[in-house]
């Protein structure tokens, strides 16, 4: 995550800088007597002054020390993400929309599920580790859309920390015995973009996570890219998806929750590595 670099910079700049003036003054007081004693001892023994030997640091100790520093950074990042998530409208929206959040401990995969009043089963899947920072070059496709507007897309898709992040997701609307409307898209802070939408008649195939079924799905018609559809069709589909709670508020939740989960998993991983090397 991009925020890790920022947090490291802040924490490192906040570390106290120790002055060497006190050490130097103490050294100067006894420097002459120490040097004399060392030379005298060398003459009496008939040898030469021995060079001070640099004490080797154990690789385990060194790695543990670096891990402690990184754990501090990761903890600060997690606390920042937690504070932001508590304020985010996305989490509250998902609860009100009736989605159940399925996030097994230690898993990178987050699943949202609910059944609408008309019986349509809605499933949203995304991976915490796929939350990626967006850089200016990624907005080239928006140049024409925003060239006459004061507000730039970089600001529009930034969260409360001034960070722009995107998270790929998969979404399924299933009617038992009929089929599954399968969508892929990108969630940004306050913006949900549909990339593809296609009906898969075999719902078990559409919803399966197995590698074998993934190969089978690739052989199926993948649908026309959403942005290439007639504008009236795009608008009608968008309204249909929104009627099931698939909107920009959902996108905000996906971004917030992915960042939060990624931070927690990273911190847990660092702690596990430290336990391993010291075990």
C-alpha atoms as a PDB file:
ATOM      1  CA  UNK A   1       0.000   0.000   0.000  1.00  0.00           C
ATOM      2  CA  UNK A   2       1.156   3.502  -0.794  1.00  0.00           C
ATOM      3  CA  UNK A   3       0.381   4.710   2.724  1.00  0.00           C
ATOM      4  CA  UNK A   4       3.101   2.433   4.175  1.00  0.00           C
ATOM      5  CA  UNK A   5       5.802   4.590   2.614  1.00  0.00           C
ATOM      6  CA  UNK A   6       4.199   7.748   4.012  1.00  0.00           C
ATOM      7  CA  UNK A   7       3.887   6.279   7.518  1.00  0.00           C
ATOM      8  CA  UNK A   8       7.522   5.129   7.484  1.00  0.00           C
ATOM      9  CA  UNK A   9       8.636   8.640   6.536  1.00  0.00           C
ATOM     10  CA  UNK A  10       6.599  10.225   9.328  1.00  0.00           C
ATOM     11  CA  UNK A  11       7.752   7.790  12.003  1.00  0.00           C
ATOM     12  CA  UNK A  12      11.393   7.979  11.001  1.00  0.00           C
ATOM     13  CA  UNK A  13      11.353  11.770  11.025  1.00  0.00           C
ATOM     14  CA  UNK A  14       9.832  11.645  14.504  1.00  0.00           C
ATOM     15  CA  UNK A  15      12.657   9.528  15.953  1.00  0.00           C
ATOM     16  CA  UNK A  16      14.852  11.422  18.437  1.00  0.00           C
ATOM     17  CA  UNK A  17      18.244  12.374  17.099  1.00  0.00           C
ATOM     18  CA  UNK A  18      20.931  11.707  19.710  1.00  0.00           C
ATOM     19  CA  UNK A  19      23.821  14.150  20.035  1.00  0.00           C
ATOM     20  CA  UNK A  20      27.385  12.821  20.114  1.00  0.00           C
ATOM     21  CA  UNK A  21      28.769  15.878  21.953  1.00  0.00           C
ATOM     22  CA  UNK A  22      28.433  14.251  25.385  1.00  0.00           C
ATOM     23  CA  UNK A  23      30.161  11.096  24.206  1.00  0.00           C
ATOM     24  CA  UNK A  24      32.951  13.132  22.649  1.00  0.00           C
ATOM     25  CA  UNK A  25      33.527  15.151  25.834  1.00  0.00           C
ATOM     26  CA  UNK A  26      33.728  12.013  27.942  1.00  0.00           C
ATOM     27  CA  UNK A  27      36.132  10.434  25.485  1.00  0.00           C
ATOM     28  CA  UNK A  28      38.451  13.451  25.542  1.00  0.00           C
ATOM     29  CA  UNK A  29      38.775  13.328  29.349  1.00  0.00           C
ATOM     30  CA  UNK A  30      40.363   9.907  29.479  1.00  0.00           C
ATOM     31  CA  UNK A  31      41.731   9.682  25.972  1.00  0.00           C
ATOM     32  CA  UNK A  32      45.327  10.479  26.894  1.00  0.00           C
ATOM     33  CA  UNK A  33      45.564   8.039  29.824  1.00  0.00           C
ATOM     34  CA  UNK A  34      43.874   5.277  27.829  1.00  0.00           C
ATOM     35  CA  UNK A  35      46.214   5.731  24.877  1.00  0.00           C
ATOM     36  CA  UNK A  36      49.268   5.771  27.158  1.00  0.00           C
ATOM     37  CA  UNK A  37      48.186   2.612  28.938  1.00  0.00           C
ATOM     38  CA  UNK A  38      47.508   0.794  25.692  1.00  0.00           C
ATOM     39  CA  UNK A  39      50.909   1.710  24.210  1.00  0.00           C
ATOM     40  CA  UNK A  40      52.735   0.793  27.415  1.00  0.00           C
ATOM     41  CA  UNK A  41      50.994  -2.554  27.580  1.00  0.00           C
ATOM     42  CA  UNK A  42      51.915  -3.271  23.984  1.00  0.00           C
ATOM     43  CA  UNK A  43      55.619  -2.433  24.584  1.00  0.00           C
ATOM     44  CA  UNK A  44      55.860  -4.622  27.682  1.00  0.00           C
ATOM     45  CA  UNK A  45      54.301  -7.527  25.838  1.00  0.00           C
ATOM     46  CA  UNK A  46      56.516  -7.021  22.808  1.00  0.00           C
ATOM     47  CA  UNK A  47      53.512  -6.903  20.529  1.00  0.00           C
ATOM     48  CA  UNK A  48      51.629  -4.369  18.462  1.00  0.00           C
ATOM     49  CA  UNK A  49      48.474  -2.481  19.236  1.00  0.00           C
ATOM     50  CA  UNK A  50      45.566  -4.728  18.343  1.00  0.00           C
ATOM     51  CA  UNK A  51      42.890  -3.280  16.107  1.00  0.00           C
ATOM     52  CA  UNK A  52      39.477  -3.249  17.729  1.00  0.00           C
ATOM     53  CA  UNK A  53      37.394  -6.168  16.498  1.00  0.00           C
ATOM     54  CA  UNK A  54      33.888  -5.412  15.192  1.00  0.00           C
ATOM     55  CA  UNK A  55      31.439  -7.633  16.998  1.00  0.00           C
ATOM     56  CA  UNK A  56      29.378  -9.700  14.557  1.00  0.00           C
ATOM     57  CA  UNK A  57      25.615  -9.349  14.844  1.00  0.00           C
ATOM     58  CA  UNK A  58      23.605 -12.534  14.675  1.00  0.00           C
ATOM     59  CA  UNK A  59      21.392 -12.692  11.551  1.00  0.00           C
ATOM     60  CA  UNK A  60      18.489 -13.661  13.809  1.00  0.00           C
ATOM     61  CA  UNK A  61      19.013 -10.644  16.058  1.00  0.00           C
ATOM     62  CA  UNK A  62      19.405  -8.319  13.071  1.00  0.00           C
ATOM     63  CA  UNK A  63      16.255  -9.600  11.342  1.00  0.00           C
ATOM     64  CA  UNK A  64      14.271  -9.448  14.588  1.00  0.00           C
ATOM     65  CA  UNK A  65      15.318  -5.826  15.049  1.00  0.00           C
ATOM     66  CA  UNK A  66      14.276  -4.879  11.516  1.00  0.00           C
ATOM     67  CA  UNK A  67      10.999  -6.749  11.965  1.00  0.00           C
ATOM     68  CA  UNK A  68      10.287  -4.816  15.159  1.00  0.00           C
ATOM     69  CA  UNK A  69      10.700  -1.570  13.229  1.00  0.00           C
ATOM     70  CA  UNK A  70       8.464  -2.762  10.387  1.00  0.00           C
ATOM     71  CA  UNK A  71       5.845  -4.017  12.859  1.00  0.00           C
ATOM     72  CA  UNK A  72       5.731  -0.527  14.358  1.00  0.00           C
ATOM     73  CA  UNK A  73       5.097   0.923  10.899  1.00  0.00           C
ATOM     74  CA  UNK A  74       2.444  -1.702  10.115  1.00  0.00           C
ATOM     75  CA  UNK A  75       0.685  -1.105  13.431  1.00  0.00           C
ATOM     76  CA  UNK A  76       0.548   2.624  12.730  1.00  0.00           C
ATOM     77  CA  UNK A  77      -0.839   1.954   9.262  1.00  0.00           C
ATOM     78  CA  UNK A  78      -3.524  -0.348  10.678  1.00  0.00           C
ATOM     79  CA  UNK A  79      -4.558   2.213  13.273  1.00  0.00           C
ATOM     80  CA  UNK A  80      -4.826   4.854  10.547  1.00  0.00           C
ATOM     81  CA  UNK A  81      -6.933   2.580   8.356  1.00  0.00           C
ATOM     82  CA  UNK A  82      -9.161   1.606  11.290  1.00  0.00           C
ATOM     83  CA  UNK A  83      -9.811   5.247  12.183  1.00  0.00           C
ATOM     84  CA  UNK A  84     -10.690   6.023   8.571  1.00  0.00           C
ATOM     85  CA  UNK A  85     -12.955   2.977   8.230  1.00  0.00           C
ATOM     86  CA  UNK A  86     -14.959   3.925  11.326  1.00  0.00           C
ATOM     87  CA  UNK A  87     -15.810   7.250   9.668  1.00  0.00           C
ATOM     88  CA  UNK A  88     -16.494   5.830   6.218  1.00  0.00           C
ATOM     89  CA  UNK A  89     -20.045   5.857   4.938  1.00  0.00           C
ATOM     90  CA  UNK A  90     -19.374   2.627   3.034  1.00  0.00           C
ATOM     91  CA  UNK A  91     -19.425   0.343   6.078  1.00  0.00           C
ATOM     92  CA  UNK A  92     -22.690   1.799   7.327  1.00  0.00           C
ATOM     93  CA  UNK A  93     -24.193   1.535   3.860  1.00  0.00           C
ATOM     94  CA  UNK A  94     -23.318  -2.166   3.510  1.00  0.00           C
ATOM     95  CA  UNK A  95     -24.954  -2.932   6.857  1.00  0.00           C
ATOM     96  CA  UNK A  96     -28.108  -1.039   5.916  1.00  0.00           C
ATOM     97  CA  UNK A  97     -28.181  -2.719   2.491  1.00  0.00           C
ATOM     98  CA  UNK A  98     -28.337  -6.103   4.214  1.00  0.00           C
ATOM     99  CA  UNK A  99     -25.051  -7.583   3.026  1.00  0.00           C
ATOM    100  CA  UNK A 100     -23.328 -10.220   5.163  1.00  0.00           C
ATOM    101  CA  UNK A 101     -19.541  -9.802   5.249  1.00  0.00           C
ATOM    102  CA  UNK A 102     -17.656 -13.089   4.977  1.00  0.00           C
ATOM    103  CA  UNK A 103     -13.956 -12.634   5.753  1.00  0.00           C
ATOM    104  CA  UNK A 104     -12.322 -15.760   7.255  1.00  0.00           C
ATOM    105  CA  UNK A 105      -9.374 -15.021   9.543  1.00  0.00           C
ATOM    106  CA  UNK A 106      -6.127 -15.006   7.603  1.00  0.00           C
ATOM    107  CA  UNK A 107      -7.904 -15.035   4.233  1.00  0.00           C
ATOM    108  CA  UNK A 108      -7.237 -12.500   1.502  1.00  0.00           C
ATOM    109  CA  UNK A 109     -10.678 -13.054  -0.038  1.00  0.00           C
ATOM    110  CA  UNK A 110     -13.650 -10.975   1.127  1.00  0.00           C
ATOM    111  CA  UNK A 111     -17.187 -11.963   0.141  1.00  0.00           C
ATOM    112  CA  UNK A 112     -20.428 -10.015   0.509  1.00  0.00           C
ATOM    113  CA  UNK A 113     -23.734 -11.868   0.265  1.00  0.00           C
ATOM    114  CA  UNK A 114     -27.418 -11.076   0.468  1.00  0.00           C
ATOM    115  CA  UNK A 115     -30.731 -12.241  -0.977  1.00  0.00           C
ATOM    116  CA  UNK A 116     -33.020  -9.562  -2.371  1.00  0.00           C
ATOM    117  CA  UNK A 117     -36.767  -9.509  -1.770  1.00  0.00           C
ATOM    118  CA  UNK A 118     -37.416 -10.930  -5.228  1.00  0.00           C
ATOM    119  CA  UNK A 119     -35.168 -13.915  -4.518  1.00  0.00           C
ATOM    120  CA  UNK A 120     -32.120 -12.749  -6.484  1.00  0.00           C
ATOM    121  CA  UNK A 121     -28.948 -13.885  -4.710  1.00  0.00           C
ATOM    122  CA  UNK A 122     -26.201 -11.234  -4.782  1.00  0.00           C
ATOM    123  CA  UNK A 123     -22.548 -12.120  -4.264  1.00  0.00           C
ATOM    124  CA  UNK A 124     -19.585  -9.720  -4.333  1.00  0.00           C
ATOM    125  CA  UNK A 125     -15.993 -10.982  -4.201  1.00  0.00           C
ATOM    126  CA  UNK A 126     -12.711  -9.073  -3.986  1.00  0.00           C
ATOM    127  CA  UNK A 127      -9.170  -9.599  -2.719  1.00  0.00           C
ATOM    128  CA  UNK A 128      -7.599  -7.310  -0.121  1.00  0.00           C
ATOM    129  CA  UNK A 129      -4.142  -7.605  -1.681  1.00  0.00           C
ATOM    130  CA  UNK A 130      -5.392  -6.240  -5.023  1.00  0.00           C
ATOM    131  CA  UNK A 131      -5.972  -2.745  -3.589  1.00  0.00           C
ATOM    132  CA  UNK A 132      -3.605  -0.727  -5.765  1.00  0.00           C
ATOM    133  CA  UNK A 133      -2.623   2.956  -5.643  1.00  0.00           C
ATOM    134  CA  UNK A 134      -3.664   4.959  -8.719  1.00  0.00           C
ATOM    135  CA  UNK A 135      -1.063   7.182 -10.337  1.00  0.00           C
ATOM    136  CA  UNK A 136      -1.629  10.121 -12.663  1.00  0.00           C
ATOM    137  CA  UNK A 137      -0.844   8.076 -15.773  1.00  0.00           C
ATOM    138  CA  UNK A 138      -3.848   5.878 -15.006  1.00  0.00           C
ATOM    139  CA  UNK A 139      -6.115   8.837 -15.675  1.00  0.00           C
ATOM    140  CA  UNK A 140      -5.137   9.325 -19.289  1.00  0.00           C
ATOM    141  CA  UNK A 141      -8.410   7.675 -20.325  1.00  0.00           C
ATOM    142  CA  UNK A 142     -10.289  10.430 -18.494  1.00  0.00           C
ATOM    143  CA  UNK A 143      -8.534  13.327 -20.229  1.00  0.00           C
ATOM    144  CA  UNK A 144     -11.354  14.050 -22.682  1.00  0.00           C
ATOM    145  CA  UNK A 145     -14.038  13.758 -20.018  1.00  0.00           C
ATOM    146  CA  UNK A 146     -12.368  16.127 -17.591  1.00  0.00           C
ATOM    147  CA  UNK A 147     -10.505  18.552 -19.841  1.00  0.00           C
ATOM    148  CA  UNK A 148     -13.139  21.296 -19.436  1.00  0.00           C
ATOM    149  CA  UNK A 149     -13.797  20.759 -15.729  1.00  0.00           C
ATOM    150  CA  UNK A 150     -12.069  22.379 -12.797  1.00  0.00           C
ATOM    151  CA  UNK A 151     -12.135  19.236 -10.665  1.00  0.00           C
ATOM    152  CA  UNK A 152      -9.541  16.691 -11.694  1.00  0.00           C
ATOM    153  CA  UNK A 153     -10.162  12.936 -11.380  1.00  0.00           C
ATOM    154  CA  UNK A 154      -7.204  12.582  -9.006  1.00  0.00           C
ATOM    155  CA  UNK A 155      -9.181  14.520  -6.386  1.00  0.00           C
ATOM    156  CA  UNK A 156     -12.531  12.942  -7.154  1.00  0.00           C
ATOM    157  CA  UNK A 157     -11.351   9.421  -6.351  1.00  0.00           C
ATOM    158  CA  UNK A 158      -9.210  10.254  -3.293  1.00  0.00           C
ATOM    159  CA  UNK A 159     -10.169   9.049   0.166  1.00  0.00           C
ATOM    160  CA  UNK A 160      -9.933  10.980   3.442  1.00  0.00           C
ATOM    161  CA  UNK A 161      -6.161  10.435   3.521  1.00  0.00           C
ATOM    162  CA  UNK A 162      -5.730  11.953   0.044  1.00  0.00           C
ATOM    163  CA  UNK A 163      -4.941   8.512  -1.393  1.00  0.00           C
ATOM    164  CA  UNK A 164      -6.459   7.186  -4.621  1.00  0.00           C
ATOM    165  CA  UNK A 165      -6.903   3.403  -4.646  1.00  0.00           C
ATOM    166  CA  UNK A 166      -8.687   0.960  -6.926  1.00  0.00           C
ATOM    167  CA  UNK A 167      -9.846  -2.588  -6.178  1.00  0.00           C
ATOM    168  CA  UNK A 168     -10.981  -5.100  -8.842  1.00  0.00           C
ATOM    169  CA  UNK A 169     -14.129  -7.015  -7.923  1.00  0.00           C
ATOM    170  CA  UNK A 170     -16.462  -9.708  -9.240  1.00  0.00           C
ATOM    171  CA  UNK A 171     -20.203  -9.513  -8.742  1.00  0.00           C
ATOM    172  CA  UNK A 172     -22.917 -12.098  -9.355  1.00  0.00           C
ATOM    173  CA  UNK A 173     -26.698 -11.793  -9.456  1.00  0.00           C
ATOM    174  CA  UNK A 174     -28.119 -15.297  -9.389  1.00  0.00           C
ATOM    175  CA  UNK A 175     -31.653 -16.515 -10.076  1.00  0.00           C
ATOM    176  CA  UNK A 176     -31.826 -20.185  -9.091  1.00  0.00           C
ATOM    177  CA  UNK A 177     -32.679 -22.421 -12.035  1.00  0.00           C
ATOM    178  CA  UNK A 178     -32.299 -19.480 -14.456  1.00  0.00           C
ATOM    179  CA  UNK A 179     -28.678 -18.374 -14.448  1.00  0.00           C
ATOM    180  CA  UNK A 180     -26.208 -15.816 -13.136  1.00  0.00           C
ATOM    181  CA  UNK A 181     -25.586 -12.270 -14.302  1.00  0.00           C
ATOM    182  CA  UNK A 182     -21.774 -12.077 -13.887  1.00  0.00           C
ATOM    183  CA  UNK A 183     -20.060  -8.688 -13.643  1.00  0.00           C
ATOM    184  CA  UNK A 184     -16.449  -7.600 -13.331  1.00  0.00           C
ATOM    185  CA  UNK A 185     -15.444  -4.092 -12.403  1.00  0.00           C
ATOM    186  CA  UNK A 186     -13.273  -1.652 -10.510  1.00  0.00           C
ATOM    187  CA  UNK A 187     -14.132  -0.020  -7.193  1.00  0.00           C
ATOM    188  CA  UNK A 188     -12.637   3.364  -6.389  1.00  0.00           C
ATOM    189  CA  UNK A 189     -13.388   5.675  -3.497  1.00  0.00           C
ATOM    190  CA  UNK A 190     -16.903   6.858  -4.316  1.00  0.00           C
ATOM    191  CA  UNK A 191     -17.005   5.384  -7.851  1.00  0.00           C
ATOM    192  CA  UNK A 192     -18.007   1.938  -9.087  1.00  0.00           C
ATOM    193  CA  UNK A 193     -17.124   1.072 -12.683  1.00  0.00           C
ATOM    194  CA  UNK A 194     -18.531  -1.951 -14.522  1.00  0.00           C
ATOM    195  CA  UNK A 195     -16.118  -3.411 -17.071  1.00  0.00           C
ATOM    196  CA  UNK A 196     -18.002  -6.478 -18.261  1.00  0.00           C
ATOM    197  CA  UNK A 197     -21.467  -7.945 -17.749  1.00  0.00           C
ATOM    198  CA  UNK A 198     -22.575 -11.283 -19.191  1.00  0.00           C
ATOM    199  CA  UNK A 199     -25.215 -13.897 -18.403  1.00  0.00           C
ATOM    200  CA  UNK A 200     -23.941 -17.380 -17.552  1.00  0.00           C
ATOM    201  CA  UNK A 201     -26.705 -19.987 -17.650  1.00  0.00           C
ATOM    202  CA  UNK A 202     -24.780 -22.470 -15.506  1.00  0.00           C
ATOM    203  CA  UNK A 203     -24.744 -20.720 -12.108  1.00  0.00           C
ATOM    204  CA  UNK A 204     -22.503 -23.331 -10.485  1.00  0.00           C
ATOM    205  CA  UNK A 205     -19.911 -22.669 -13.189  1.00  0.00           C
ATOM    206  CA  UNK A 206     -20.253 -18.883 -12.828  1.00  0.00           C
ATOM    207  CA  UNK A 207     -19.780 -18.967  -9.040  1.00  0.00           C
ATOM    208  CA  UNK A 208     -17.076 -21.627  -8.840  1.00  0.00           C
ATOM    209  CA  UNK A 209     -13.567 -20.656  -7.694  1.00  0.00           C
ATOM    210  CA  UNK A 210     -11.857 -23.801  -8.981  1.00  0.00           C
ATOM    211  CA  UNK A 211      -9.059 -23.551 -11.531  1.00  0.00           C
ATOM    212  CA  UNK A 212     -10.806 -26.121 -13.722  1.00  0.00           C
ATOM    213  CA  UNK A 213     -14.000 -24.067 -13.921  1.00  0.00           C
ATOM    214  CA  UNK A 214     -11.988 -20.911 -14.555  1.00  0.00           C
ATOM    215  CA  UNK A 215     -10.610 -22.582 -17.692  1.00  0.00           C
ATOM    216  CA  UNK A 216     -14.153 -23.515 -18.739  1.00  0.00           C
ATOM    217  CA  UNK A 217     -15.381 -19.930 -18.235  1.00  0.00           C
ATOM    218  CA  UNK A 218     -12.640 -18.585 -20.468  1.00  0.00           C
ATOM    219  CA  UNK A 219     -14.069 -20.638 -23.308  1.00  0.00           C
ATOM    220  CA  UNK A 220     -17.458 -18.933 -22.929  1.00  0.00           C
ATOM    221  CA  UNK A 221     -18.592 -15.671 -24.491  1.00  0.00           C
ATOM    222  CA  UNK A 222     -17.276 -12.918 -22.217  1.00  0.00           C
ATOM    223  CA  UNK A 223     -19.683 -10.194 -23.273  1.00  0.00           C
ATOM    224  CA  UNK A 224     -19.077  -6.814 -24.865  1.00  0.00           C
ATOM    225  CA  UNK A 225     -17.039  -4.372 -22.755  1.00  0.00           C
ATOM    226  CA  UNK A 226     -19.570  -2.362 -20.791  1.00  0.00           C
ATOM    227  CA  UNK A 227     -18.362   1.031 -22.004  1.00  0.00           C
ATOM    228  CA  UNK A 228     -18.847  -0.060 -25.626  1.00  0.00           C
ATOM    229  CA  UNK A 229     -22.558  -0.781 -25.162  1.00  0.00           C
ATOM    230  CA  UNK A 230     -25.151   1.694 -26.394  1.00  0.00           C
ATOM    231  CA  UNK A 231     -25.473   4.489 -23.820  1.00  0.00           C
ATOM    232  CA  UNK A 232     -29.176   3.798 -23.279  1.00  0.00           C
ATOM    233  CA  UNK A 233     -28.387   0.150 -22.549  1.00  0.00           C
ATOM    234  CA  UNK A 234     -25.596   1.156 -20.145  1.00  0.00           C
ATOM    235  CA  UNK A 235     -27.952   3.496 -18.290  1.00  0.00           C
ATOM    236  CA  UNK A 236     -30.723   0.892 -18.072  1.00  0.00           C
ATOM    237  CA  UNK A 237     -28.323  -1.787 -16.791  1.00  0.00           C
ATOM    238  CA  UNK A 238     -26.820   0.627 -14.277  1.00  0.00           C
ATOM    239  CA  UNK A 239     -30.269   1.404 -12.855  1.00  0.00           C
ATOM    240  CA  UNK A 240     -30.994  -2.326 -12.655  1.00  0.00           C
ATOM    241  CA  UNK A 241     -27.773  -2.980 -10.725  1.00  0.00           C
ATOM    242  CA  UNK A 242     -28.399  -0.001  -8.436  1.00  0.00           C
ATOM    243  CA  UNK A 243     -31.808  -1.437  -7.511  1.00  0.00           C
ATOM    244  CA  UNK A 244     -29.873  -4.252  -5.821  1.00  0.00           C
ATOM    245  CA  UNK A 245     -27.508  -1.926  -3.945  1.00  0.00           C
ATOM    246  CA  UNK A 246     -24.687  -2.076  -6.483  1.00  0.00           C
ATOM    247  CA  UNK A 247     -23.592   1.550  -6.531  1.00  0.00           C
ATOM    248  CA  UNK A 248     -20.863   4.037  -5.588  1.00  0.00           C
ATOM    249  CA  UNK A 249     -21.465   3.531  -1.847  1.00  0.00           C
ATOM    250  CA  UNK A 250     -20.669  -0.148  -2.285  1.00  0.00           C
ATOM    251  CA  UNK A 251     -17.462   0.833  -4.096  1.00  0.00           C
ATOM    252  CA  UNK A 252     -16.439   3.019  -1.162  1.00  0.00           C
ATOM    253  CA  UNK A 253     -16.897   0.102   1.215  1.00  0.00           C
ATOM    254  CA  UNK A 254     -14.879  -2.248  -1.006  1.00  0.00           C
ATOM    255  CA  UNK A 255     -11.930   0.175  -1.058  1.00  0.00           C
ATOM    256  CA  UNK A 256     -12.051   0.832   2.701  1.00  0.00           C
ATOM    257  CA  UNK A 257     -12.410  -2.806   3.685  1.00  0.00           C
ATOM    258  CA  UNK A 258      -9.724  -4.023   1.269  1.00  0.00           C
ATOM    259  CA  UNK A 259      -7.199  -1.525   2.651  1.00  0.00           C
ATOM    260  CA  UNK A 260      -8.105  -2.384   6.247  1.00  0.00           C
ATOM    261  CA  UNK A 261      -7.860  -6.136   5.669  1.00  0.00           C
ATOM    262  CA  UNK A 262      -4.591  -5.828   3.746  1.00  0.00           C
ATOM    263  CA  UNK A 263      -3.055  -3.828   6.608  1.00  0.00           C
ATOM    264  CA  UNK A 264      -4.170  -6.414   9.178  1.00  0.00           C
ATOM    265  CA  UNK A 265      -2.869  -9.348   7.121  1.00  0.00           C
ATOM    266  CA  UNK A 266       0.475  -7.609   6.598  1.00  0.00           C
ATOM    267  CA  UNK A 267       0.884  -6.959  10.320  1.00  0.00           C
ATOM    268  CA  UNK A 268      -0.038 -10.561  11.179  1.00  0.00           C
ATOM    269  CA  UNK A 269       2.456 -11.838   8.604  1.00  0.00           C
ATOM    270  CA  UNK A 270       5.304  -9.809  10.129  1.00  0.00           C
ATOM    271  CA  UNK A 271       4.490 -11.099  13.605  1.00  0.00           C
ATOM    272  CA  UNK A 272       4.379 -14.690  12.326  1.00  0.00           C
ATOM    273  CA  UNK A 273       7.804 -14.308  10.705  1.00  0.00           C
ATOM    274  CA  UNK A 274       9.275 -12.937  13.939  1.00  0.00           C
ATOM    275  CA  UNK A 275       7.797 -15.840  15.917  1.00  0.00           C
ATOM    276  CA  UNK A 276       9.283 -18.273  13.414  1.00  0.00           C
ATOM    277  CA  UNK A 277      12.848 -16.932  13.471  1.00  0.00           C
ATOM    278  CA  UNK A 278      12.871 -16.713  17.274  1.00  0.00           C
ATOM    279  CA  UNK A 279      11.241 -20.099  17.804  1.00  0.00           C
END
